[in-house]
């Protein structure tokens, strides 16, 4: 019997990196199922290096080792809690799951807030897209997202994610619900504890010039897509050169203008300059990306 050929992955499915979380978005009596997909794509941004033994260039390996039986396989490892020194009790993931009610397993929206309500300080960096899970959820998903867009509101809620309680901010982004994980207030170190002894008095003349400079450099249509990872390109060029046995010549440093010591002079000189136009750096020809297993 001939082997059935695998269908090539569609561009849509290839773009979606499933996180493995499914649940219900719930507020009031409204409930609809969603599935989380990673919003960040690090595949083109990271270059991974392996640790090698300097003498023989063999790759350093890390093993999970039991002090009694030596190396162990992953399926032999269980979770445990140390209730006193050297004494553990085993905790099964199903036992933890059973502690949650169906409602607690849902993503519960507590309030709809204006976009400026949540300070960026609360964002912890993890971001996901939520898509309706199944045709039955599509109508509710679309209606709620449309309402949030029209009212210009974000949703703040709670969910059990990766085994722990999380606060989340949900907002509509280009026709899709975007979920950002938030830090708990108690996890954020107050700025006042860091700013002990920091100078707070400001010279009025300097303040006036600084405000003028800020206004001159303000841009309400700033385009973040102008930023590119030029350092990554340089690392790729270095790797390609070393693979060929070549030595990469470091670019010559541009001479900077002499530093201005006096703040007032620096502000005045800056006002005479025009803000540099937002432009992308010239792209160099990027070599083929090295294999991660190298």
Protein backbone atom coordinates (compact mmCIF):
# COMPACT_ATOMS: atom_id res chain seq x y z
CA UNK A 1 0.00 0.00 0.00
CA UNK A 2 1.43 3.35 -1.07
CA UNK A 3 2.30 5.75 1.68
CA UNK A 4 0.04 8.79 1.90
CA UNK A 5 1.92 12.00 1.31
CA UNK A 6 1.84 14.53 4.09
CA UNK A 7 0.09 17.76 3.24
CA UNK A 8 2.38 20.78 3.44
CA UNK A 9 1.66 23.03 6.40
CA UNK A 10 -0.42 26.03 5.44
CA UNK A 11 1.01 29.50 5.94
CA UNK A 12 -1.72 30.11 8.51
CA UNK A 13 -0.90 27.07 10.64
CA UNK A 14 2.83 27.71 10.30
CA UNK A 15 2.36 31.22 11.66
CA UNK A 16 0.51 29.95 14.71
CA UNK A 17 2.69 28.66 17.50
CA UNK A 18 0.28 26.90 19.84
CA UNK A 19 1.02 27.36 23.52
CA UNK A 20 -1.06 24.43 24.69
CA UNK A 21 -3.63 26.33 26.77
CA UNK A 22 -7.35 26.15 26.13
CA UNK A 23 -10.09 27.57 28.31
CA UNK A 24 -13.20 29.69 28.50
CA UNK A 25 -13.31 33.47 28.61
CA UNK A 26 -16.02 34.28 31.12
CA UNK A 27 -17.74 37.38 32.49
CA UNK A 28 -21.29 37.67 33.71
CA UNK A 29 -23.21 34.92 31.90
CA UNK A 30 -21.10 35.24 28.74
CA UNK A 31 -18.71 32.35 28.09
CA UNK A 32 -16.80 31.30 25.00
CA UNK A 33 -13.87 28.95 24.42
CA UNK A 34 -10.46 30.21 23.30
CA UNK A 35 -7.01 28.84 22.60
CA UNK A 36 -3.71 30.64 23.22
CA UNK A 37 -0.99 31.12 20.62
CA UNK A 38 2.38 32.77 21.18
CA UNK A 39 2.38 36.38 20.01
CA UNK A 40 6.18 36.60 19.99
CA UNK A 41 8.35 34.86 17.40
CA UNK A 42 11.92 34.47 18.61
CA UNK A 43 12.93 31.98 15.88
CA UNK A 44 14.52 34.70 13.74
CA UNK A 45 15.83 36.78 16.60
CA UNK A 46 17.95 34.40 18.64
CA UNK A 47 21.32 32.90 17.79
CA UNK A 48 22.08 30.09 20.19
CA UNK A 49 25.57 29.14 21.29
CA UNK A 50 26.48 25.80 22.86
CA UNK A 51 29.01 25.29 25.63
CA UNK A 52 32.07 23.28 24.52
CA UNK A 53 35.02 21.71 26.28
CA UNK A 54 37.95 23.98 25.40
CA UNK A 55 40.41 21.10 24.90
CA UNK A 56 38.44 18.84 22.55
CA UNK A 57 35.45 21.01 21.52
CA UNK A 58 33.00 18.32 22.62
CA UNK A 59 29.61 19.69 23.61
CA UNK A 60 28.94 19.96 27.34
CA UNK A 61 25.92 17.88 28.34
CA UNK A 62 23.65 18.30 31.35
CA UNK A 63 22.03 15.25 32.89
CA UNK A 64 19.38 14.83 35.57
CA UNK A 65 21.07 12.72 38.20
CA UNK A 66 19.81 10.91 41.29
CA UNK A 67 22.52 10.74 43.99
CA UNK A 68 21.55 7.09 44.64
CA UNK A 69 20.82 5.68 41.17
CA UNK A 70 22.72 8.04 38.86
CA UNK A 71 21.23 9.46 35.61
CA UNK A 72 17.43 9.13 35.31
CA UNK A 73 14.96 9.51 32.46
CA UNK A 74 12.35 12.29 32.42
CA UNK A 75 9.46 9.82 32.83
CA UNK A 76 10.99 8.67 36.12
CA UNK A 77 10.83 12.15 37.65
CA UNK A 78 7.92 13.29 39.84
CA UNK A 79 7.17 16.56 41.64
CA UNK A 80 7.79 16.81 45.35
CA UNK A 81 7.55 19.36 48.15
CA UNK A 82 10.17 19.53 50.91
CA UNK A 83 8.03 19.81 54.06
CA UNK A 84 11.08 19.51 56.31
CA UNK A 85 14.82 19.19 55.71
CA UNK A 86 15.42 16.20 53.43
CA UNK A 87 11.80 14.99 53.68
CA UNK A 88 9.52 15.22 50.66
CA UNK A 89 5.93 14.44 49.77
CA UNK A 90 5.00 13.66 46.17
CA UNK A 91 2.44 15.92 44.49
CA UNK A 92 0.73 14.63 41.35
CA UNK A 93 -0.25 17.24 38.69
CA UNK A 94 -3.78 15.78 38.68
CA UNK A 95 -4.05 16.47 42.42
CA UNK A 96 -3.21 20.14 41.77
CA UNK A 97 -5.68 20.29 38.90
CA UNK A 98 -8.44 18.86 41.11
CA UNK A 99 -8.07 21.84 43.46
CA UNK A 100 -9.51 24.14 40.79
CA UNK A 101 -13.19 24.41 40.04
CA UNK A 102 -14.39 24.74 36.45
CA UNK A 103 -14.87 28.47 37.00
CA UNK A 104 -11.33 28.82 38.32
CA UNK A 105 -10.03 27.09 35.18
CA UNK A 106 -11.65 29.79 33.06
CA UNK A 107 -10.18 33.15 32.11
CA UNK A 108 -12.39 35.38 34.25
CA UNK A 109 -12.75 39.03 33.27
CA UNK A 110 -13.12 41.28 36.31
CA UNK A 111 -13.46 44.67 34.60
CA UNK A 112 -13.15 46.61 31.36
CA UNK A 113 -10.77 49.52 31.75
CA UNK A 114 -9.44 52.41 29.67
CA UNK A 115 -6.12 51.64 27.87
CA UNK A 116 -4.07 54.01 30.04
CA UNK A 117 -5.18 52.31 33.28
CA UNK A 118 -2.42 49.67 33.28
CA UNK A 119 1.10 51.03 33.70
CA UNK A 120 3.74 49.30 31.48
CA UNK A 121 5.53 48.45 34.72
CA UNK A 122 3.00 45.65 35.20
CA UNK A 123 3.76 43.83 31.93
CA UNK A 124 5.95 40.77 32.47
CA UNK A 125 6.84 40.19 28.80
CA UNK A 126 4.72 37.12 27.99
CA UNK A 127 2.15 37.76 25.27
CA UNK A 128 -0.33 35.55 23.44
CA UNK A 129 -3.11 35.74 20.89
CA UNK A 130 -6.45 34.25 21.82
CA UNK A 131 -8.46 32.64 19.02
CA UNK A 132 -11.94 31.09 19.27
CA UNK A 133 -11.73 27.36 19.94
CA UNK A 134 -14.41 25.85 17.72
CA UNK A 135 -17.12 27.32 15.51
CA UNK A 136 -19.50 27.69 18.47
CA UNK A 137 -17.21 30.31 20.01
CA UNK A 138 -16.70 32.49 16.93
CA UNK A 139 -19.88 34.55 17.26
CA UNK A 140 -19.35 35.45 20.93
CA UNK A 141 -15.66 36.12 20.29
CA UNK A 142 -16.43 38.53 17.43
CA UNK A 143 -19.21 40.35 19.29
CA UNK A 144 -17.15 40.94 22.45
CA UNK A 145 -14.07 42.01 20.50
CA UNK A 146 -16.16 44.46 18.46
CA UNK A 147 -17.68 45.90 21.66
CA UNK A 148 -14.20 46.41 23.15
CA UNK A 149 -13.03 48.15 19.98
CA UNK A 150 -16.04 50.45 19.84
CA UNK A 151 -15.85 51.34 23.54
CA UNK A 152 -12.03 51.62 23.45
CA UNK A 153 -11.71 49.34 26.45
CA UNK A 154 -9.28 46.65 27.58
CA UNK A 155 -10.20 43.75 29.84
CA UNK A 156 -8.42 42.88 33.09
CA UNK A 157 -8.90 39.39 34.45
CA UNK A 158 -7.45 36.29 36.07
CA UNK A 159 -6.48 32.87 34.79
CA UNK A 160 -4.53 29.82 35.95
CA UNK A 161 -1.68 29.67 33.44
CA UNK A 162 1.42 27.45 33.60
CA UNK A 163 0.31 26.14 36.98
CA UNK A 164 -0.11 29.44 38.78
CA UNK A 165 -2.56 32.32 39.16
CA UNK A 166 -1.97 35.08 36.63
CA UNK A 167 -3.37 38.53 36.05
CA UNK A 168 -3.95 39.29 32.36
CA UNK A 169 -4.77 42.25 30.15
CA UNK A 170 -6.81 41.47 27.04
CA UNK A 171 -7.15 43.93 24.19
CA UNK A 172 -8.27 43.83 20.55
CA UNK A 173 -5.37 43.99 18.06
CA UNK A 174 -6.09 43.97 14.32
CA UNK A 175 -9.16 41.78 14.64
CA UNK A 176 -7.69 39.37 17.21
CA UNK A 177 -7.76 39.34 21.02
CA UNK A 178 -4.29 39.82 22.48
CA UNK A 179 -3.48 38.65 26.01
CA UNK A 180 -0.56 40.06 28.00
CA UNK A 181 0.54 38.61 31.34
CA UNK A 182 0.82 41.10 34.20
CA UNK A 183 2.91 41.17 37.35
CA UNK A 184 1.16 41.23 40.71
CA UNK A 185 1.43 44.56 42.47
CA UNK A 186 3.29 42.92 45.37
CA UNK A 187 5.96 41.64 42.94
CA UNK A 188 6.96 45.14 41.80
CA UNK A 189 9.70 46.85 43.79
CA UNK A 190 8.61 50.43 44.64
CA UNK A 191 10.67 53.04 42.79
CA UNK A 192 11.00 55.03 46.03
CA UNK A 193 13.19 52.25 47.49
CA UNK A 194 15.59 52.59 44.58
CA UNK A 195 15.59 56.39 44.40
CA UNK A 196 16.91 56.98 47.93
CA UNK A 197 19.06 60.12 47.88
CA UNK A 198 18.24 60.90 44.24
CA UNK A 199 18.38 64.60 43.40
CA UNK A 200 14.87 65.97 42.79
CA UNK A 201 15.34 69.76 42.55
CA UNK A 202 15.40 71.05 38.97
CA UNK A 203 16.76 74.36 37.70
CA UNK A 204 13.89 76.26 36.07
CA UNK A 205 15.96 77.38 33.04
CA UNK A 206 17.17 73.86 32.38
CA UNK A 207 13.65 72.52 32.82
CA UNK A 208 12.28 74.99 30.25
CA UNK A 209 14.94 74.09 27.68
CA UNK A 210 14.45 70.35 28.32
CA UNK A 211 10.69 70.62 27.79
CA UNK A 212 11.26 72.50 24.54
CA UNK A 213 13.68 69.80 23.42
CA UNK A 214 11.17 67.06 24.26
CA UNK A 215 8.50 68.85 22.21
CA UNK A 216 10.91 69.24 19.28
CA UNK A 217 11.74 65.52 19.34
CA UNK A 218 8.15 64.36 19.82
CA UNK A 219 6.62 62.13 17.13
CA UNK A 220 2.97 61.05 17.31
CA UNK A 221 3.35 58.76 14.29
CA UNK A 222 6.47 56.91 15.39
CA UNK A 223 7.02 53.64 13.52
CA UNK A 224 8.49 50.84 15.64
CA UNK A 225 9.11 48.69 12.56
CA UNK A 226 12.15 50.86 11.80
CA UNK A 227 14.11 48.99 14.48
CA UNK A 228 16.11 46.01 13.29
CA UNK A 229 18.47 43.64 15.03
CA UNK A 230 21.68 44.78 13.32
CA UNK A 231 23.85 43.12 15.98
CA UNK A 232 22.37 39.73 15.06
CA UNK A 233 23.37 40.32 11.43
CA UNK A 234 26.93 41.09 12.51
CA UNK A 235 27.04 37.88 14.58
CA UNK A 236 25.84 35.91 11.54
CA UNK A 237 28.60 37.47 9.42
CA UNK A 238 31.15 36.55 12.09
CA UNK A 239 29.92 32.94 12.18
CA UNK A 240 29.95 32.65 8.37
CA UNK A 241 33.49 34.04 8.22
CA UNK A 242 34.79 31.66 10.90
CA UNK A 243 33.15 28.66 9.18
CA UNK A 244 35.14 29.57 6.05
CA UNK A 245 38.28 30.04 8.12
CA UNK A 246 38.31 33.77 7.52
CA UNK A 247 38.84 36.60 9.95
CA UNK A 248 36.19 39.31 10.11
CA UNK A 249 37.62 42.82 10.17
CA UNK A 250 35.93 45.02 12.78
CA UNK A 251 34.41 48.21 11.32
CA UNK A 252 36.17 51.46 12.05
CA UNK A 253 34.66 53.47 14.86
CA UNK A 254 33.12 56.79 13.88
CA UNK A 255 34.57 59.74 15.72
CA UNK A 256 32.07 61.18 18.15
CA UNK A 257 31.76 64.85 18.87
CA UNK A 258 33.55 65.96 22.04
CA UNK A 259 31.29 65.41 25.05
CA UNK A 260 29.56 68.53 26.38
CA UNK A 261 30.10 68.68 30.11
CA UNK A 262 27.68 71.50 30.95
CA UNK A 263 24.01 70.43 30.86
CA UNK A 264 22.77 73.90 29.88
CA UNK A 265 25.16 73.96 26.91
CA UNK A 266 24.11 70.43 25.91
CA UNK A 267 20.43 71.43 25.91
CA UNK A 268 21.09 74.59 23.87
CA UNK A 269 23.21 72.72 21.28
CA UNK A 270 20.61 69.96 21.03
CA UNK A 271 17.88 72.49 20.22
CA UNK A 272 19.95 73.71 17.26
CA UNK A 273 20.02 70.19 15.86
CA UNK A 274 17.16 68.58 13.99
CA UNK A 275 15.82 65.28 15.20
CA UNK A 276 17.37 62.48 13.13
CA UNK A 277 14.90 61.11 10.59
CA UNK A 278 13.51 57.70 11.41
CA UNK A 279 15.14 55.41 8.88
CA UNK A 280 16.16 51.81 8.76
CA UNK A 281 19.86 50.98 8.78
CA UNK A 282 21.24 49.71 5.49
CA UNK A 283 20.85 45.96 5.29
CA UNK A 284 23.91 43.85 4.72
CA UNK A 285 23.62 40.56 2.92
CA UNK A 286 22.87 38.06 5.67
CA UNK A 287 24.54 34.66 5.38
CA UNK A 288 22.57 31.51 5.76
CA UNK A 289 21.45 31.01 9.35
CA UNK A 290 23.59 28.41 11.15
CA UNK A 291 22.01 25.24 12.44
CA UNK A 292 21.06 25.31 16.13
CA UNK A 293 22.71 21.96 16.63
CA UNK A 294 26.08 23.29 15.50
